[in-house]
């Protein structure tokens, strides 16, 4: 963001959008700031950060060796012929990802003592009323005690008379058209279930319509573009995968997985693995509902942004990212001035890189305006403990324990939704 060596005499310190020390697409987590004097600049960081490459996450690290998952596939209604393929795939993912897998179609496995052995329970295309009252009570207690839940496809076509389960799965199945190809819009690419995906994902499956839209209660990870297929009935906002923290536990649901072919698809398998790892607690994800944000950078254009200082930023619309090169310049948001907001952004660092984001400075084409008048939120995974990612130079360190629990290692950053939330800031989904 600025052409000088450092905002606070620290050599190699970047600011705002990625510093121009070579291709450094921003890194991995969300930084939020509330600024008093926020000029149009407020999103300076956002843009360049959001620059993080869609597929930056790569393979998920393996879980703890003692993690254990129970796959439950009992059906009291329609039975999917893909269930054996799903079981085989999850066993293979467990062998690769470091967790043990047990399987059952017997509701009698749902006792407090038995469920306590598992870090997560996968409902693999279950249908109908599959648990009796005592078994429901045991599973509810398991979730409330911090257990994980993964619902795959027809898990939403299960236990219609159990309010706790309706909240856990997020939404009940309503109908579906014929199997066909559709476009999936990936909203949150910071989640371990979606970090490997591009902004859009073309795939063939059986596309569920749901009785309700769960967005107000869950973090939506992906939606269906109903203009890309026939038979959608939810309109412009059609969630198809989501996660949430629910009554003490962790829950992940994906509407994918009807076809046998799904379980041989590497992208879907990685999606399923990421959801399982979130549910077991092996992977961190922010699954709080996200509402009221509008995009400052949508991954397709830099409209509203302006260059200050040397260097340049390259936009890759296929991945929705920006990469800085050739100097320590800055992109600042000059479309409108923001006075009070919550700012989310994406960033990826290749390793021992150093950059940051400025907020709270007067609108100006001079990058030194940000340095001299604003506040820099540091983005650096390898600096001293009190001045690494999340700290505000000259003021306060981040909460180190919470920060360290949330950050990915250098080079494995992921992308999340970005935007601003404030009175008069507007609303809507971010890129």
Protein backbone atom coordinates (compact mmCIF):
# COMPACT_ATOMS: atom_id res chain seq x y z
CA UNK A 1 0.00 0.00 0.00
CA UNK A 2 2.77 2.40 0.54
CA UNK A 3 6.10 2.79 -1.21
CA UNK A 4 8.13 3.24 1.95
CA UNK A 5 9.91 0.55 3.88
CA UNK A 6 7.58 0.33 6.80
CA UNK A 7 4.74 2.18 8.45
CA UNK A 8 6.53 2.08 11.73
CA UNK A 9 10.14 1.78 10.70
CA UNK A 10 9.86 -1.95 10.35
CA UNK A 11 11.71 -3.10 7.26
CA UNK A 12 9.69 -5.02 4.70
CA UNK A 13 6.40 -4.09 6.23
CA UNK A 14 3.47 -3.83 3.90
CA UNK A 15 0.12 -2.26 4.52
CA UNK A 16 -3.32 -2.09 3.18
CA UNK A 17 -3.64 -4.19 0.13
CA UNK A 18 -0.85 -6.64 -0.37
CA UNK A 19 2.49 -4.94 -0.44
CA UNK A 20 4.22 -5.23 -3.76
CA UNK A 21 6.95 -7.57 -2.70
CA UNK A 22 6.19 -10.07 -5.39
CA UNK A 23 3.13 -12.18 -6.02
CA UNK A 24 1.52 -12.21 -2.65
CA UNK A 25 -2.21 -12.79 -2.97
CA UNK A 26 -3.41 -11.98 0.47
CA UNK A 27 -3.82 -14.57 3.24
CA UNK A 28 -6.11 -16.61 5.00
CA UNK A 29 -8.35 -15.26 7.68
CA UNK A 30 -10.83 -12.60 8.45
CA UNK A 31 -9.79 -9.28 9.89
CA UNK A 32 -12.44 -6.86 11.02
CA UNK A 33 -12.10 -3.24 12.10
CA UNK A 34 -14.45 -0.61 13.32
CA UNK A 35 -13.09 2.81 12.54
CA UNK A 36 -14.10 6.21 13.59
CA UNK A 37 -12.82 8.16 10.65
CA UNK A 38 -13.21 5.53 8.02
CA UNK A 39 -12.74 7.06 4.69
CA UNK A 40 -13.56 5.40 1.45
CA UNK A 41 -10.49 3.58 2.31
CA UNK A 42 -12.09 1.24 4.67
CA UNK A 43 -11.76 -1.66 2.35
CA UNK A 44 -8.28 -1.13 1.17
CA UNK A 45 -7.27 -4.37 2.63
CA UNK A 46 -10.26 -6.12 1.51
CA UNK A 47 -9.51 -5.99 -2.07
CA UNK A 48 -6.11 -7.15 -2.17
CA UNK A 49 -6.86 -9.70 0.35
CA UNK A 50 -9.76 -11.02 -1.27
CA UNK A 51 -7.16 -11.71 -3.71
CA UNK A 52 -6.49 -14.98 -2.21
CA UNK A 53 -6.57 -17.76 -4.75
CA UNK A 54 -9.62 -19.90 -4.63
CA UNK A 55 -7.83 -23.19 -4.57
CA UNK A 56 -5.16 -22.04 -2.21
CA UNK A 57 -5.96 -24.47 0.51
CA UNK A 58 -4.78 -27.67 -1.13
CA UNK A 59 -5.25 -30.95 0.66
CA UNK A 60 -6.59 -30.73 4.17
CA UNK A 61 -4.18 -31.74 6.88
CA UNK A 62 -4.94 -35.04 8.50
CA UNK A 63 -6.96 -35.19 11.68
CA UNK A 64 -5.86 -36.60 14.99
CA UNK A 65 -5.21 -40.32 14.92
CA UNK A 66 -7.77 -40.96 17.66
CA UNK A 67 -10.65 -39.14 15.92
CA UNK A 68 -13.55 -41.50 15.29
CA UNK A 69 -16.60 -41.07 13.08
CA UNK A 70 -19.84 -43.06 13.02
CA UNK A 71 -21.59 -43.33 9.65
CA UNK A 72 -25.33 -43.93 10.08
CA UNK A 73 -27.25 -44.94 6.95
CA UNK A 74 -30.57 -46.36 8.14
CA UNK A 75 -33.52 -45.68 5.83
CA UNK A 76 -37.25 -45.86 6.55
CA UNK A 77 -38.23 -44.38 3.20
CA UNK A 78 -36.49 -44.14 -0.16
CA UNK A 79 -33.11 -45.85 -0.16
CA UNK A 80 -30.29 -44.38 -2.25
CA UNK A 81 -28.23 -46.91 -4.16
CA UNK A 82 -25.22 -44.63 -3.63
CA UNK A 83 -25.05 -45.41 0.11
CA UNK A 84 -22.43 -48.19 -0.27
CA UNK A 85 -20.32 -45.86 -2.41
CA UNK A 86 -20.63 -43.18 0.25
CA UNK A 87 -19.58 -45.54 3.02
CA UNK A 88 -16.57 -46.70 1.01
CA UNK A 89 -15.57 -43.12 0.23
CA UNK A 90 -15.77 -42.01 3.88
CA UNK A 91 -13.67 -45.00 4.95
CA UNK A 92 -11.06 -44.05 2.37
CA UNK A 93 -11.15 -40.43 3.50
CA UNK A 94 -10.71 -41.58 7.08
CA UNK A 95 -7.68 -43.66 6.16
CA UNK A 96 -6.18 -40.66 4.38
CA UNK A 97 -7.30 -38.04 6.89
CA UNK A 98 -6.43 -39.74 10.14
CA UNK A 99 -9.82 -40.68 11.58
CA UNK A 100 -11.38 -44.09 12.20
CA UNK A 101 -14.77 -44.92 10.68
CA UNK A 102 -17.48 -47.19 12.05
CA UNK A 103 -20.76 -47.82 10.23
CA UNK A 104 -24.23 -48.84 11.34
CA UNK A 105 -27.85 -49.00 10.25
CA UNK A 106 -29.04 -49.84 13.73
CA UNK A 107 -30.63 -47.10 15.79
CA UNK A 108 -29.66 -49.05 18.89
CA UNK A 109 -26.15 -47.61 18.42
CA UNK A 110 -27.57 -44.29 19.63
CA UNK A 111 -26.93 -44.58 23.35
CA UNK A 112 -25.09 -41.99 25.45
CA UNK A 113 -22.16 -44.32 26.15
CA UNK A 114 -21.71 -45.43 22.55
CA UNK A 115 -22.10 -41.98 21.01
CA UNK A 116 -19.52 -40.60 23.45
CA UNK A 117 -16.92 -42.65 21.54
CA UNK A 118 -17.34 -40.51 18.41
CA UNK A 119 -16.19 -37.06 17.40
CA UNK A 120 -18.90 -36.83 14.73
CA UNK A 121 -21.87 -38.78 13.40
CA UNK A 122 -22.56 -38.78 9.66
CA UNK A 123 -26.19 -39.21 8.56
CA UNK A 124 -25.54 -40.62 5.09
CA UNK A 125 -28.74 -40.27 3.01
CA UNK A 126 -30.92 -41.44 5.87
CA UNK A 127 -34.66 -41.18 5.19
CA UNK A 128 -37.78 -41.19 7.32
CA UNK A 129 -38.14 -41.90 11.03
CA UNK A 130 -34.93 -43.74 11.92
CA UNK A 131 -34.61 -43.17 15.68
CA UNK A 132 -37.01 -43.86 18.52
CA UNK A 133 -37.59 -41.45 21.40
CA UNK A 134 -34.78 -42.79 23.60
CA UNK A 135 -32.34 -42.78 20.68
CA UNK A 136 -33.31 -39.21 19.80
CA UNK A 137 -32.70 -38.16 23.39
CA UNK A 138 -29.26 -39.79 23.38
CA UNK A 139 -28.27 -38.06 20.15
CA UNK A 140 -29.56 -34.69 21.34
CA UNK A 141 -27.51 -35.06 24.50
CA UNK A 142 -24.47 -35.97 22.38
CA UNK A 143 -24.80 -32.81 20.28
CA UNK A 144 -25.42 -30.59 23.32
CA UNK A 145 -22.24 -32.01 24.87
CA UNK A 146 -20.22 -30.81 21.85
CA UNK A 147 -20.63 -33.66 19.37
CA UNK A 148 -20.44 -33.18 15.61
CA UNK A 149 -23.07 -33.86 12.96
CA UNK A 150 -22.67 -34.29 9.21
CA UNK A 151 -25.78 -34.54 7.05
CA UNK A 152 -25.39 -35.81 3.50
CA UNK A 153 -28.11 -35.33 0.87
CA UNK A 154 -31.22 -37.17 2.10
CA UNK A 155 -30.31 -36.47 5.72
CA UNK A 156 -32.67 -33.55 5.11
CA UNK A 157 -35.41 -36.11 4.34
CA UNK A 158 -35.22 -37.54 7.85
CA UNK A 159 -36.99 -37.22 11.23
CA UNK A 160 -39.73 -34.78 10.22
CA UNK A 161 -41.38 -34.84 13.63
CA UNK A 162 -38.29 -34.01 15.68
CA UNK A 163 -37.81 -30.21 16.10
CA UNK A 164 -34.26 -30.59 17.43
CA UNK A 165 -33.21 -32.44 14.30
CA UNK A 166 -34.85 -29.87 12.04
CA UNK A 167 -32.66 -27.21 13.63
CA UNK A 168 -29.60 -29.43 13.44
CA UNK A 169 -29.88 -30.32 9.75
CA UNK A 170 -30.91 -26.73 8.96
CA UNK A 171 -33.83 -27.33 6.58
CA UNK A 172 -36.09 -30.18 5.55
CA UNK A 173 -36.32 -31.58 2.02
CA UNK A 174 -39.34 -30.53 -0.02
CA UNK A 175 -38.91 -31.72 -3.62
CA UNK A 176 -36.42 -32.28 -6.42
CA UNK A 177 -36.34 -32.29 -10.22
CA UNK A 178 -34.58 -34.88 -12.38
CA UNK A 179 -30.84 -35.41 -12.04
CA UNK A 180 -29.07 -32.80 -14.16
CA UNK A 181 -26.08 -30.51 -14.38
CA UNK A 182 -26.22 -27.20 -12.49
CA UNK A 183 -23.96 -24.34 -11.48
CA UNK A 184 -23.06 -24.09 -7.82
CA UNK A 185 -22.01 -20.66 -6.55
CA UNK A 186 -19.44 -21.06 -3.79
CA UNK A 187 -20.04 -18.27 -1.27
CA UNK A 188 -17.60 -19.09 1.51
CA UNK A 189 -14.22 -20.35 0.41
CA UNK A 190 -12.63 -20.16 3.86
CA UNK A 191 -14.44 -23.26 5.06
CA UNK A 192 -12.49 -26.53 4.87
CA UNK A 193 -15.37 -27.98 2.83
CA UNK A 194 -15.16 -25.34 0.10
CA UNK A 195 -11.67 -23.83 0.22
CA UNK A 196 -10.53 -26.03 -2.67
CA UNK A 197 -13.30 -24.87 -4.99
CA UNK A 198 -13.43 -22.07 -7.55
CA UNK A 199 -16.17 -19.41 -7.24
CA UNK A 200 -18.43 -21.56 -9.42
CA UNK A 201 -18.67 -25.33 -9.57
CA UNK A 202 -20.35 -27.21 -12.39
CA UNK A 203 -21.62 -30.61 -11.34
CA UNK A 204 -24.38 -33.15 -11.91
CA UNK A 205 -26.56 -34.26 -9.02
CA UNK A 206 -30.13 -34.41 -7.75
CA UNK A 207 -30.90 -30.88 -6.62
CA UNK A 208 -33.07 -30.54 -3.53
CA UNK A 209 -35.54 -27.77 -2.88
CA UNK A 210 -35.98 -27.18 0.85
CA UNK A 211 -39.07 -26.23 2.84
CA UNK A 212 -37.34 -23.22 4.33
CA UNK A 213 -34.26 -21.12 3.63
CA UNK A 214 -31.78 -21.68 6.49
CA UNK A 215 -29.62 -18.60 5.81
CA UNK A 216 -30.69 -16.66 8.90
CA UNK A 217 -29.57 -19.51 11.16
CA UNK A 218 -26.51 -20.99 9.43
CA UNK A 219 -23.41 -20.01 7.46
CA UNK A 220 -24.27 -20.75 3.84
CA UNK A 221 -21.26 -22.20 2.01
CA UNK A 222 -22.74 -22.72 -1.45
CA UNK A 223 -25.93 -21.95 -3.36
CA UNK A 224 -27.53 -23.17 -6.57
CA UNK A 225 -27.91 -20.94 -9.61
CA UNK A 226 -31.48 -21.83 -10.53
CA UNK A 227 -31.06 -20.30 -13.99
CA UNK A 228 -28.57 -23.08 -14.77
CA UNK A 229 -31.02 -25.98 -14.46
CA UNK A 230 -34.72 -26.85 -14.54
CA UNK A 231 -36.86 -27.39 -11.46
CA UNK A 232 -35.44 -25.02 -8.85
CA UNK A 233 -38.14 -23.68 -6.54
CA UNK A 234 -36.37 -21.44 -4.04
CA UNK A 235 -35.54 -18.44 -6.22
CA UNK A 236 -32.39 -16.36 -6.26
CA UNK A 237 -31.20 -17.57 -2.86
CA UNK A 238 -31.06 -21.38 -2.92
CA UNK A 239 -28.60 -22.72 -0.32
CA UNK A 240 -27.28 -26.21 -0.99
CA UNK A 241 -24.51 -26.55 1.64
CA UNK A 242 -24.05 -24.91 5.03
CA UNK A 243 -22.62 -25.25 8.52
CA UNK A 244 -23.48 -23.99 11.97
CA UNK A 245 -22.80 -24.22 15.67
CA UNK A 246 -25.96 -25.73 17.09
CA UNK A 247 -26.93 -26.19 20.73
CA UNK A 248 -23.34 -26.80 21.76
CA UNK A 249 -22.32 -28.96 18.80
CA UNK A 250 -21.01 -28.50 15.27
CA UNK A 251 -23.18 -29.28 12.24
CA UNK A 252 -22.39 -29.49 8.53
CA UNK A 253 -24.89 -30.31 5.77
CA UNK A 254 -24.42 -30.83 2.05
CA UNK A 255 -27.23 -31.41 -0.45
CA UNK A 256 -24.77 -33.12 -2.81
CA UNK A 257 -24.31 -36.87 -2.86
CA UNK A 258 -27.32 -38.47 -4.57
CA UNK A 259 -25.35 -40.15 -7.34
CA UNK A 260 -22.81 -42.94 -7.10
CA UNK A 261 -20.51 -40.85 -9.27
CA UNK A 262 -20.36 -38.15 -6.60
CA UNK A 263 -18.28 -40.36 -4.33
CA UNK A 264 -15.63 -40.87 -6.99
CA UNK A 265 -15.37 -37.14 -7.71
CA UNK A 266 -12.22 -35.68 -6.05
CA UNK A 267 -13.84 -32.26 -5.60
CA UNK A 268 -16.89 -33.71 -3.86
CA UNK A 269 -14.76 -36.03 -1.75
CA UNK A 270 -12.69 -33.05 -0.58
CA UNK A 271 -15.94 -31.18 0.14
CA UNK A 272 -17.18 -34.08 2.24
CA UNK A 273 -13.83 -34.48 4.00
CA UNK A 274 -13.78 -30.79 4.91
CA UNK A 275 -17.27 -31.03 6.37
CA UNK A 276 -16.33 -34.08 8.43
CA UNK A 277 -13.18 -32.41 9.70
CA UNK A 278 -15.18 -29.37 10.78
CA UNK A 279 -17.73 -31.56 12.55
CA UNK A 280 -15.06 -33.54 14.42
CA UNK A 281 -13.30 -30.33 15.46
CA UNK A 282 -10.14 -31.20 13.50
CA UNK A 283 -10.58 -28.10 11.30
CA UNK A 284 -11.55 -24.60 12.30
CA UNK A 285 -14.32 -22.73 10.50
CA UNK A 286 -16.45 -19.69 11.20
CA UNK A 287 -19.98 -21.02 10.86
CA UNK A 288 -21.87 -18.12 12.37
CA UNK A 289 -24.71 -16.74 10.24
CA UNK A 290 -23.58 -13.86 8.08
CA UNK A 291 -26.03 -11.16 7.14
CA UNK A 292 -26.07 -7.50 6.24
CA UNK A 293 -22.79 -7.38 4.31
CA UNK A 294 -22.30 -5.97 0.85
CA UNK A 295 -19.30 -6.65 -1.39
CA UNK A 296 -16.60 -4.04 -1.81
CA UNK A 297 -14.74 -6.38 -4.14
CA UNK A 298 -16.66 -9.15 -5.86
CA UNK A 299 -13.79 -10.92 -7.60
CA UNK A 300 -14.74 -9.71 -11.06
CA UNK A 301 -13.73 -6.04 -11.16
CA UNK A 302 -11.89 -3.33 -9.26
CA UNK A 303 -14.63 -0.75 -9.80
CA UNK A 304 -14.62 1.67 -6.86
CA UNK A 305 -10.95 1.07 -6.10
CA UNK A 306 -7.98 3.29 -6.91
CA UNK A 307 -4.23 2.74 -7.07
CA UNK A 308 -1.96 4.81 -4.84
CA UNK A 309 1.81 4.44 -4.90
CA UNK A 310 3.97 2.17 -7.07
CA UNK A 311 3.38 -1.37 -8.23
CA UNK A 312 0.25 -2.92 -9.66
CA UNK A 313 -2.42 -5.49 -8.93
CA UNK A 314 -3.35 -8.30 -11.28
CA UNK A 315 -6.96 -9.47 -11.26
CA UNK A 316 -7.67 -13.13 -11.99
CA UNK A 317 -11.43 -13.33 -12.51
CA UNK A 318 -11.36 -17.12 -12.80
CA UNK A 319 -10.44 -17.40 -9.14
CA UNK A 320 -11.72 -14.02 -7.98
CA UNK A 321 -8.34 -12.94 -6.66
CA UNK A 322 -5.86 -10.07 -6.83
CA UNK A 323 -2.10 -10.39 -6.69
CA UNK A 324 0.25 -7.47 -5.99
CA UNK A 325 3.50 -7.00 -7.90
CA UNK A 326 6.22 -4.43 -8.42
CA UNK A 327 6.43 -2.25 -5.36
CA UNK A 328 4.62 -1.46 -2.17
CA UNK A 329 1.64 0.37 -3.51
CA UNK A 330 -1.90 0.36 -2.27
CA UNK A 331 -5.42 -0.08 -3.53
CA UNK A 332 -7.87 2.06 -1.62
CA UNK A 333 -11.65 2.08 -1.73
CA UNK A 334 -12.77 5.46 -3.00
CA UNK A 335 -16.35 4.74 -4.09
CA UNK A 336 -17.82 5.98 -0.82
CA UNK A 337 -16.73 6.95 2.65
CA UNK A 338 -17.66 4.57 5.45
CA UNK A 339 -18.04 5.81 8.99
CA UNK A 340 -18.89 2.79 11.12
CA UNK A 341 -18.60 -0.76 9.87
CA UNK A 342 -17.45 -4.30 10.28
CA UNK A 343 -14.96 -5.30 7.60
CA UNK A 344 -14.20 -8.83 6.47
CA UNK A 345 -11.43 -9.80 4.12
CA UNK A 346 -9.35 -12.60 2.70
CA UNK A 347 -5.59 -12.84 2.59
CA UNK A 348 -2.95 -15.35 1.68
CA UNK A 349 0.77 -15.26 2.30
CA UNK A 350 3.23 -17.58 0.59
CA UNK A 351 5.38 -17.90 3.70
CA UNK A 352 7.55 -15.28 5.43
CA UNK A 353 5.69 -12.39 3.82
CA UNK A 354 4.60 -9.23 5.53
CA UNK A 355 1.69 -7.00 4.67
CA UNK A 356 -1.32 -5.40 6.24
CA UNK A 357 -4.42 -3.29 5.92
CA UNK A 358 -5.01 0.36 6.70
CA UNK A 359 -8.30 1.72 7.98
CA UNK A 360 -9.48 5.07 9.32
CA UNK A 361 -7.52 7.48 7.10
CA UNK A 362 -8.76 10.43 5.02
CA UNK A 363 -9.44 9.79 1.36
CA UNK A 364 -6.31 10.52 -0.61
CA UNK A 365 -4.28 9.39 -3.62
CA UNK A 366 -1.18 9.73 -1.46
CA UNK A 367 -0.36 6.39 0.20
CA UNK A 368 1.34 8.29 3.01
CA UNK A 369 -2.08 9.52 4.07
CA UNK A 370 -2.85 5.98 5.18
CA UNK A 371 0.54 5.58 6.87
CA UNK A 372 0.44 8.88 8.73
CA UNK A 373 -3.24 9.04 9.60
CA UNK A 374 -4.67 5.53 9.62
CA UNK A 375 -4.36 2.35 11.60
CA UNK A 376 -2.59 -0.67 10.18
CA UNK A 377 -3.88 -4.15 10.93
CA UNK A 378 -0.87 -6.40 10.54
CA UNK A 379 -1.00 -9.49 8.30
CA UNK A 380 2.09 -11.56 9.00
CA UNK A 381 2.20 -15.16 10.20
CA UNK A 382 5.88 -15.16 11.16
CA UNK A 383 6.55 -11.89 12.98
CA UNK A 384 7.06 -11.48 16.72
CA UNK A 385 4.13 -12.82 18.76
CA UNK A 386 2.69 -9.41 19.60
CA UNK A 387 2.98 -8.02 16.07
CA UNK A 388 1.76 -10.85 13.91
CA UNK A 389 -1.62 -11.21 12.20
CA UNK A 390 -4.38 -9.27 13.92
CA UNK A 391 -2.31 -6.74 15.84
CA UNK A 392 -2.79 -3.00 15.33
CA UNK A 393 0.60 -1.31 15.13
CA UNK A 394 1.35 0.95 18.06
CA UNK A 395 -1.82 0.08 19.92
CA UNK A 396 -2.63 -3.48 20.87
CA UNK A 397 -1.73 -7.05 20.10
CA UNK A 398 -4.39 -9.50 18.97
CA UNK A 399 -5.86 -12.03 21.37
CA UNK A 400 -3.05 -14.47 20.70
CA UNK A 401 -4.82 -17.66 21.77
CA UNK A 402 -7.92 -16.97 19.69
CA UNK A 403 -5.87 -15.78 16.73
CA UNK A 404 -3.62 -18.83 16.72
CA UNK A 405 -6.64 -21.13 16.88
CA UNK A 406 -8.14 -19.44 13.83
CA UNK A 407 -5.16 -18.93 11.53
CA UNK A 408 -3.98 -21.36 8.89
CA UNK A 409 -0.24 -21.97 8.45
CA UNK A 410 1.58 -19.74 5.94
CA UNK A 411 0.87 -20.79 2.39
CA UNK A 412 -2.40 -22.54 3.19
CA UNK A 413 -4.68 -19.56 3.39
CA UNK A 414 -8.34 -19.82 2.48
CA UNK A 415 -10.84 -17.38 1.15
CA UNK A 416 -13.96 -16.18 2.87
CA UNK A 417 -16.76 -13.73 2.20
CA UNK A 418 -15.85 -10.07 2.42
CA UNK A 419 -17.73 -6.85 2.69
CA UNK A 420 -18.85 -4.16 5.08
CA UNK A 421 -21.69 -4.04 7.54
CA UNK A 422 -22.87 -0.71 8.83
CA UNK A 423 -25.81 1.61 8.91
CA UNK A 424 -26.19 2.98 5.43
CA UNK A 425 -23.66 0.50 4.10
CA UNK A 426 -26.21 -1.64 2.32
CA UNK A 427 -26.89 -5.32 2.51
CA UNK A 428 -26.61 -8.49 0.51
CA UNK A 429 -24.33 -11.42 -0.02
CA UNK A 430 -20.66 -10.89 -0.62
CA UNK A 431 -18.50 -12.54 -3.20
